[in-house]
Amino acid sequence: MSKTQRLIELMMTVNAKNSDGLTKRVIQPIGLYSCSGFWYCPAYCFKRKTFRLFRADRIHHAERTIDEQKKRHTLSICY
């Protein structure tokens, strides 16, 4: 097995609550984890063009996105 392993590419559109109200983001989730009683979804955000941490209880709606116009962000893990 090589030292670099590619993750499955999945894009989602989420409606999430923030301090300004609801916002719509296209994200590429990395995972889901729990910490201090809250669930979090680390993901690449195509709007901000960087990685962001989304609190799962603030996501009001999520659906799988099939958008060939968006370039998927490739995440590689080296170990």
PDB file of N, CA and C in Angstrom:
ATOM      1  N   MET A   1       0.849  -1.172   0.000  1.00  0.00           N
ATOM      2  CA  MET A   1       0.000   0.000   0.000  1.00  0.00           C
ATOM      3  C   MET A   1       0.896   1.237   0.000  1.00  0.00           C
ATOM      4  N   SER A   2       0.536   2.250  -0.792  1.00  0.00           N
ATOM      5  CA  SER A   2       1.343   3.464  -0.866  1.00  0.00           C
ATOM      6  C   SER A   2       1.193   4.296   0.402  1.00  0.00           C
ATOM      7  N   LYS A   3       2.092   5.256   0.569  1.00  0.00           N
ATOM      8  CA  LYS A   3       2.058   6.116   1.752  1.00  0.00           C
ATOM      9  C   LYS A   3       0.945   7.155   1.680  1.00  0.00           C
ATOM     10  N   THR A   4       0.410   7.407   0.494  1.00  0.00           N
ATOM     11  CA  THR A   4      -0.656   8.387   0.323  1.00  0.00           C
ATOM     12  C   THR A   4      -1.943   7.660  -0.043  1.00  0.00           C
ATOM     13  N   GLN A   5      -3.005   7.991   0.654  1.00  0.00           N
ATOM     14  CA  GLN A   5      -4.294   7.350   0.417  1.00  0.00           C
ATOM     15  C   GLN A   5      -5.337   8.427   0.166  1.00  0.00           C
ATOM     16  N   ARG A   6      -6.055   8.346  -0.949  1.00  0.00           N
ATOM     17  CA  ARG A   6      -7.084   9.330  -1.270  1.00  0.00           C
ATOM     18  C   ARG A   6      -8.392   8.979  -0.583  1.00  0.00           C
ATOM     19  N   LEU A   7      -9.054   9.996  -0.086  1.00  0.00           N
ATOM     20  CA  LEU A   7     -10.356   9.809   0.549  1.00  0.00           C
ATOM     21  C   LEU A   7     -11.460   9.830  -0.489  1.00  0.00           C
ATOM     22  N   ILE A   8     -12.589   9.243  -0.151  1.00  0.00           N
ATOM     23  CA  ILE A   8     -13.751   9.256  -1.039  1.00  0.00           C
ATOM     24  C   ILE A   8     -14.227  10.691  -1.212  1.00  0.00           C
ATOM     25  N   GLU A   9     -14.489  11.078  -2.454  1.00  0.00           N
ATOM     26  CA  GLU A   9     -14.962  12.428  -2.733  1.00  0.00           C
ATOM     27  C   GLU A   9     -16.481  12.474  -2.617  1.00  0.00           C
ATOM     28  N   LEU A  10     -16.970  13.350  -1.750  1.00  0.00           N
ATOM     29  CA  LEU A  10     -18.396  13.538  -1.527  1.00  0.00           C
ATOM     30  C   LEU A  10     -18.628  15.017  -1.311  1.00  0.00           C
ATOM     31  N   MET A  11     -19.570  15.581  -2.044  1.00  0.00           N
ATOM     32  CA  MET A  11     -19.911  16.988  -1.868  1.00  0.00           C
ATOM     33  C   MET A  11     -21.340  17.070  -1.367  1.00  0.00           C
ATOM     34  N   MET A  12     -21.600  18.027  -0.464  1.00  0.00           N
ATOM     35  CA  MET A  12     -22.931  18.229   0.081  1.00  0.00           C
ATOM     36  C   MET A  12     -23.267  19.706   0.083  1.00  0.00           C
ATOM     37  N   THR A  13     -24.540  20.006  -0.073  1.00  0.00           N
ATOM     38  CA  THR A  13     -25.030  21.364   0.121  1.00  0.00           C
ATOM     39  C   THR A  13     -25.721  21.374   1.475  1.00  0.00           C
ATOM     40  N   VAL A  14     -25.314  22.303   2.340  1.00  0.00           N
ATOM     41  CA  VAL A  14     -25.908  22.384   3.675  1.00  0.00           C
ATOM     42  C   VAL A  14     -26.454  23.783   3.916  1.00  0.00           C
ATOM     43  N   ASN A  15     -27.548  23.857   4.641  1.00  0.00           N
ATOM     44  CA  ASN A  15     -28.076  25.118   5.149  1.00  0.00           C
ATOM     45  C   ASN A  15     -27.754  25.123   6.634  1.00  0.00           C
ATOM     46  N   ALA A  16     -26.863  26.015   7.031  1.00  0.00           N
ATOM     47  CA  ALA A  16     -26.403  26.040   8.410  1.00  0.00           C
ATOM     48  C   ALA A  16     -26.671  27.395   9.044  1.00  0.00           C
ATOM     49  N   LYS A  17     -26.944  27.370  10.337  1.00  0.00           N
ATOM     50  CA  LYS A  17     -27.212  28.587  11.085  1.00  0.00           C
ATOM     51  C   LYS A  17     -25.888  29.166  11.584  1.00  0.00           C
ATOM     52  N   ASN A  18     -25.718  30.479  11.397  1.00  0.00           N
ATOM     53  CA  ASN A  18     -24.571  31.179  11.978  1.00  0.00           C
ATOM     54  C   ASN A  18     -25.075  32.472  12.609  1.00  0.00           C
ATOM     55  N   SER A  19     -24.187  33.356  13.001  1.00  0.00           N
ATOM     56  CA  SER A  19     -24.602  34.589  13.686  1.00  0.00           C
ATOM     57  C   SER A  19     -25.438  35.514  12.801  1.00  0.00           C
ATOM     58  N   ASP A  20     -25.334  35.367  11.471  1.00  0.00           N
ATOM     59  CA  ASP A  20     -26.098  36.202  10.536  1.00  0.00           C
ATOM     60  C   ASP A  20     -27.393  35.554  10.071  1.00  0.00           C
ATOM     61  N   GLY A  21     -27.712  34.379  10.573  1.00  0.00           N
ATOM     62  CA  GLY A  21     -28.908  33.653  10.132  1.00  0.00           C
ATOM     63  C   GLY A  21     -28.515  32.370   9.432  1.00  0.00           C
ATOM     64  N   LEU A  22     -29.307  31.972   8.426  1.00  0.00           N
ATOM     65  CA  LEU A  22     -29.000  30.756   7.672  1.00  0.00           C
ATOM     66  C   LEU A  22     -28.093  31.076   6.493  1.00  0.00           C
ATOM     67  N   THR A  23     -27.150  30.197   6.231  1.00  0.00           N
ATOM     68  CA  THR A  23     -26.262  30.338   5.089  1.00  0.00           C
ATOM     69  C   THR A  23     -26.218  29.026   4.324  1.00  0.00           C
ATOM     70  N   LYS A  24     -26.085  29.096   3.010  1.00  0.00           N
ATOM     71  CA  LYS A  24     -26.017  27.903   2.173  1.00  0.00           C
ATOM     72  C   LYS A  24     -24.574  27.705   1.746  1.00  0.00           C
ATOM     73  N   ARG A  25     -24.040  26.526   2.000  1.00  0.00           N
ATOM     74  CA  ARG A  25     -22.647  26.217   1.661  1.00  0.00           C
ATOM     75  C   ARG A  25     -22.556  24.889   0.931  1.00  0.00           C
ATOM     76  N   VAL A  26     -21.653  24.798  -0.017  1.00  0.00           N
ATOM     77  CA  VAL A  26     -21.296  23.524  -0.635  1.00  0.00           C
ATOM     78  C   VAL A  26     -20.009  23.094   0.056  1.00  0.00           C
ATOM     79  N   ILE A  27     -20.052  21.920   0.670  1.00  0.00           N
ATOM     80  CA  ILE A  27     -18.907  21.443   1.430  1.00  0.00           C
ATOM     81  C   ILE A  27     -18.519  20.037   0.999  1.00  0.00           C
ATOM     82  N   GLN A  28     -17.304  19.645   1.362  1.00  0.00           N
ATOM     83  CA  GLN A  28     -16.831  18.279   1.166  1.00  0.00           C
ATOM     84  C   GLN A  28     -16.447  17.752   2.553  1.00  0.00           C
ATOM     85  N   PRO A  29     -17.363  16.999   3.201  1.00  0.00           N
ATOM     86  CA  PRO A  29     -17.107  16.530   4.566  1.00  0.00           C
ATOM     87  C   PRO A  29     -15.905  15.589   4.657  1.00  0.00           C
ATOM     88  N   ILE A  30     -15.219  15.685   5.772  1.00  0.00           N
ATOM     89  CA  ILE A  30     -14.092  14.795   6.052  1.00  0.00           C
ATOM     90  C   ILE A  30     -14.524  13.719   7.034  1.00  0.00           C
ATOM     91  N   GLY A  31     -15.393  14.082   7.949  1.00  0.00           N
ATOM     92  CA  GLY A  31     -15.837  13.125   8.956  1.00  0.00           C
ATOM     93  C   GLY A  31     -16.876  13.729   9.868  1.00  0.00           C
ATOM     94  N   LEU A  32     -17.128  13.051  10.965  1.00  0.00           N
ATOM     95  CA  LEU A  32     -18.089  13.483  11.956  1.00  0.00           C
ATOM     96  C   LEU A  32     -17.589  12.982  13.297  1.00  0.00           C
ATOM     97  N   TYR A  33     -17.521  13.881  14.303  1.00  0.00           N
ATOM     98  CA  TYR A  33     -17.056  13.442  15.610  1.00  0.00           C
ATOM     99  C   TYR A  33     -17.772  14.209  16.715  1.00  0.00           C
ATOM    100  N   SER A  34     -17.690  13.659  17.916  1.00  0.00           N
ATOM    101  CA  SER A  34     -18.327  14.256  19.079  1.00  0.00           C
ATOM    102  C   SER A  34     -17.259  14.769  20.037  1.00  0.00           C
ATOM    103  N   CYS A  35     -17.523  15.959  20.610  1.00  0.00           N
ATOM    104  CA  CYS A  35     -16.609  16.541  21.585  1.00  0.00           C
ATOM    105  C   CYS A  35     -17.409  17.432  22.529  1.00  0.00           C
ATOM    106  N   SER A  36     -17.269  17.221  23.810  1.00  0.00           N
ATOM    107  CA  SER A  36     -17.932  18.028  24.841  1.00  0.00           C
ATOM    108  C   SER A  36     -19.443  18.145  24.637  1.00  0.00           C
ATOM    109  N   GLY A  37     -20.072  17.065  24.211  1.00  0.00           N
ATOM    110  CA  GLY A  37     -21.519  17.042  24.072  1.00  0.00           C
ATOM    111  C   GLY A  37     -22.058  17.563  22.747  1.00  0.00           C
ATOM    112  N   PHE A  38     -21.190  17.970  21.827  1.00  0.00           N
ATOM    113  CA  PHE A  38     -21.614  18.449  20.509  1.00  0.00           C
ATOM    114  C   PHE A  38     -20.992  17.588  19.411  1.00  0.00           C
ATOM    115  N   TRP A  39     -21.716  17.490  18.281  1.00  0.00           N
ATOM    116  CA  TRP A  39     -21.203  16.781  17.110  1.00  0.00           C
ATOM    117  C   TRP A  39     -20.674  17.799  16.113  1.00  0.00           C
ATOM    118  N   TYR A  40     -19.533  17.490  15.508  1.00  0.00           N
ATOM    119  CA  TYR A  40     -18.870  18.393  14.565  1.00  0.00           C
ATOM    120  C   TYR A  40     -18.588  17.680  13.251  1.00  0.00           C
ATOM    121  N   CYS A  41     -18.634  18.458  12.169  1.00  0.00           N
ATOM    122  CA  CYS A  41     -18.339  17.953  10.830  1.00  0.00           C
ATOM    123  C   CYS A  41     -17.232  18.816  10.223  1.00  0.00           C
ATOM    124  N   PRO A  42     -15.971  18.353  10.274  1.00  0.00           N
ATOM    125  CA  PRO A  42     -14.917  19.082   9.582  1.00  0.00           C
ATOM    126  C   PRO A  42     -15.097  18.881   8.081  1.00  0.00           C
ATOM    127  N   ALA A  43     -14.943  19.951   7.307  1.00  0.00           N
ATOM    128  CA  ALA A  43     -15.206  19.861   5.866  1.00  0.00           C
ATOM    129  C   ALA A  43     -14.461  20.956   5.114  1.00  0.00           C
ATOM    130  N   TYR A  44     -14.217  20.702   3.829  1.00  0.00           N
ATOM    131  CA  TYR A  44     -13.685  21.735   2.950  1.00  0.00           C
ATOM    132  C   TYR A  44     -14.871  22.561   2.469  1.00  0.00           C
ATOM    133  N   CYS A  45     -14.814  23.877   2.651  1.00  0.00           N
ATOM    134  CA  CYS A  45     -15.889  24.786   2.252  1.00  0.00           C
ATOM    135  C   CYS A  45     -15.507  25.448   0.923  1.00  0.00           C
ATOM    136  N   PHE A  46     -16.317  25.225  -0.102  1.00  0.00           N
ATOM    137  CA  PHE A  46     -16.007  25.782  -1.422  1.00  0.00           C
ATOM    138  C   PHE A  46     -16.228  27.289  -1.477  1.00  0.00           C
ATOM    139  N   LYS A  47     -17.093  27.830  -0.613  1.00  0.00           N
ATOM    140  CA  LYS A  47     -17.314  29.270  -0.581  1.00  0.00           C
ATOM    141  C   LYS A  47     -16.090  29.995  -0.029  1.00  0.00           C
ATOM    142  N   ARG A  48     -15.542  29.479   1.066  1.00  0.00           N
ATOM    143  CA  ARG A  48     -14.384  30.104   1.714  1.00  0.00           C
ATOM    144  C   ARG A  48     -13.049  29.594   1.174  1.00  0.00           C
ATOM    145  N   LYS A  49     -13.105  28.503   0.403  1.00  0.00           N
ATOM    146  CA  LYS A  49     -11.910  27.886  -0.183  1.00  0.00           C
ATOM    147  C   LYS A  49     -10.868  27.496   0.868  1.00  0.00           C
ATOM    148  N   THR A  50     -11.368  26.933   1.954  1.00  0.00           N
ATOM    149  CA  THR A  50     -10.519  26.451   3.041  1.00  0.00           C
ATOM    150  C   THR A  50     -11.308  25.454   3.882  1.00  0.00           C
ATOM    151  N   PHE A  51     -10.635  24.826   4.818  1.00  0.00           N
ATOM    152  CA  PHE A  51     -11.299  23.883   5.701  1.00  0.00           C
ATOM    153  C   PHE A  51     -12.006  24.627   6.818  1.00  0.00           C
ATOM    154  N   ARG A  52     -13.220  24.170   7.146  1.00  0.00           N
ATOM    155  CA  ARG A  52     -14.031  24.766   8.202  1.00  0.00           C
ATOM    156  C   ARG A  52     -14.584  23.653   9.083  1.00  0.00           C
ATOM    157  N   LEU A  53     -15.005  24.035  10.285  1.00  0.00           N
ATOM    158  CA  LEU A  53     -15.610  23.096  11.210  1.00  0.00           C
ATOM    159  C   LEU A  53     -17.070  23.499  11.391  1.00  0.00           C
ATOM    160  N   PHE A  54     -17.991  22.607  11.039  1.00  0.00           N
ATOM    161  CA  PHE A  54     -19.426  22.867  11.138  1.00  0.00           C
ATOM    162  C   PHE A  54     -19.992  22.074  12.312  1.00  0.00           C
ATOM    163  N   ARG A  55     -20.748  22.743  13.174  1.00  0.00           N
ATOM    164  CA  ARG A  55     -21.404  22.051  14.264  1.00  0.00           C
ATOM    165  C   ARG A  55     -22.662  21.399  13.712  1.00  0.00           C
ATOM    166  N   ALA A  56     -22.784  20.098  13.902  1.00  0.00           N
ATOM    167  CA  ALA A  56     -23.865  19.325  13.283  1.00  0.00           C
ATOM    168  C   ALA A  56     -25.250  19.793  13.702  1.00  0.00           C
ATOM    169  N   ASP A  57     -25.431  20.238  14.948  1.00  0.00           N
ATOM    170  CA  ASP A  57     -26.764  20.657  15.388  1.00  0.00           C
ATOM    171  C   ASP A  57     -27.181  21.989  14.762  1.00  0.00           C
ATOM    172  N   ARG A  58     -26.262  22.678  14.109  1.00  0.00           N
ATOM    173  CA  ARG A  58     -26.598  23.935  13.423  1.00  0.00           C
ATOM    174  C   ARG A  58     -26.879  23.735  11.934  1.00  0.00           C
ATOM    175  N   ILE A  59     -26.722  22.499  11.464  1.00  0.00           N
ATOM    176  CA  ILE A  59     -27.048  22.189  10.067  1.00  0.00           C
ATOM    177  C   ILE A  59     -28.534  21.842  10.013  1.00  0.00           C
ATOM    178  N   HIS A  60     -29.306  22.675   9.316  1.00  0.00           N
ATOM    179  CA  HIS A  60     -30.760  22.486   9.242  1.00  0.00           C
ATOM    180  C   HIS A  60     -31.179  21.558   8.110  1.00  0.00           C
ATOM    181  N   HIS A  61     -30.399  21.511   7.051  1.00  0.00           N
ATOM    182  CA  HIS A  61     -30.728  20.672   5.898  1.00  0.00           C
ATOM    183  C   HIS A  61     -29.426  20.321   5.187  1.00  0.00           C
ATOM    184  N   ALA A  62     -29.327  19.086   4.729  1.00  0.00           N
ATOM    185  CA  ALA A  62     -28.144  18.657   3.970  1.00  0.00           C
ATOM    186  C   ALA A  62     -28.589  17.703   2.877  1.00  0.00           C
ATOM    187  N   GLU A  63     -27.985  17.841   1.711  1.00  0.00           N
ATOM    188  CA  GLU A  63     -28.264  16.909   0.614  1.00  0.00           C
ATOM    189  C   GLU A  63     -27.005  16.726  -0.215  1.00  0.00           C
ATOM    190  N   ARG A  64     -26.889  15.550  -0.802  1.00  0.00           N
ATOM    191  CA  ARG A  64     -25.737  15.253  -1.637  1.00  0.00           C
ATOM    192  C   ARG A  64     -25.785  16.119  -2.888  1.00  0.00           C
ATOM    193  N   THR A  65     -24.657  16.687  -3.246  1.00  0.00           N
ATOM    194  CA  THR A  65     -24.576  17.585  -4.385  1.00  0.00           C
ATOM    195  C   THR A  65     -23.842  16.905  -5.535  1.00  0.00           C
ATOM    196  N   ILE A  66     -24.457  16.943  -6.695  1.00  0.00           N
ATOM    197  CA  ILE A  66     -23.796  16.484  -7.909  1.00  0.00           C
ATOM    198  C   ILE A  66     -23.611  17.718  -8.765  1.00  0.00           C
ATOM    199  N   ASP A  67     -22.423  18.298  -8.699  1.00  0.00           N
ATOM    200  CA  ASP A  67     -22.137  19.550  -9.378  1.00  0.00           C
ATOM    201  C   ASP A  67     -20.800  19.436 -10.088  1.00  0.00           C
ATOM    202  N   GLU A  68     -20.850  19.117 -11.362  1.00  0.00           N
ATOM    203  CA  GLU A  68     -19.625  18.952 -12.129  1.00  0.00           C
ATOM    204  C   GLU A  68     -18.905  20.276 -12.349  1.00  0.00           C
ATOM    205  N   GLN A  69     -19.599  21.409 -12.137  1.00  0.00           N
ATOM    206  CA  GLN A  69     -18.974  22.722 -12.296  1.00  0.00           C
ATOM    207  C   GLN A  69     -17.961  22.987 -11.181  1.00  0.00           C
ATOM    208  N   LYS A  70     -18.224  22.440 -10.006  1.00  0.00           N
ATOM    209  CA  LYS A  70     -17.326  22.660  -8.871  1.00  0.00           C
ATOM    210  C   LYS A  70     -16.146  21.703  -8.967  1.00  0.00           C
ATOM    211  N   LYS A  71     -14.990  22.231  -8.717  1.00  0.00           N
ATOM    212  CA  LYS A  71     -13.795  21.407  -8.678  1.00  0.00           C
ATOM    213  C   LYS A  71     -13.689  20.807  -7.293  1.00  0.00           C
ATOM    214  N   ARG A  72     -13.602  19.525  -7.217  1.00  0.00           N
ATOM    215  CA  ARG A  72     -13.499  18.878  -5.913  1.00  0.00           C
ATOM    216  C   ARG A  72     -12.102  19.081  -5.345  1.00  0.00           C
ATOM    217  N   HIS A  73     -12.059  19.287  -4.047  1.00  0.00           N
ATOM    218  CA  HIS A  73     -10.790  19.459  -3.355  1.00  0.00           C
ATOM    219  C   HIS A  73     -10.276  18.073  -3.002  1.00  0.00           C
ATOM    220  N   THR A  74      -9.078  17.739  -3.424  1.00  0.00           N
ATOM    221  CA  THR A  74      -8.507  16.442  -3.155  1.00  0.00           C
ATOM    222  C   THR A  74      -7.709  16.499  -1.871  1.00  0.00           C
ATOM    223  N   LEU A  75      -8.069  15.658  -0.953  1.00  0.00           N
ATOM    224  CA  LEU A  75      -7.401  15.594   0.336  1.00  0.00           C
ATOM    225  C   LEU A  75      -6.604  14.307   0.381  1.00  0.00           C
ATOM    226  N   SER A  76      -5.345  14.424   0.657  1.00  0.00           N
ATOM    227  CA  SER A  76      -4.487  13.243   0.782  1.00  0.00           C
ATOM    228  C   SER A  76      -3.981  13.139   2.206  1.00  0.00           C
ATOM    229  N   ILE A  77      -3.904  11.938   2.671  1.00  0.00           N
ATOM    230  CA  ILE A  77      -3.372  11.680   4.002  1.00  0.00           C
ATOM    231  C   ILE A  77      -2.069  10.912   3.841  1.00  0.00           C
ATOM    232  N   CYS A  78      -1.034  11.447   4.420  1.00  0.00           N
ATOM    233  CA  CYS A  78       0.266  10.764   4.401  1.00  0.00           C
ATOM    234  C   CYS A  78       0.539  10.195   5.785  1.00  0.00           C
ATOM    235  N   TYR A  79       0.972   8.950   5.808  1.00  0.00           N
ATOM    236  CA  TYR A  79       1.325   8.324   7.090  1.00  0.00           C
ATOM    237  C   TYR A  79       2.473   7.386   6.922  1.00  0.00           C
TER     238      TYR A  79
END
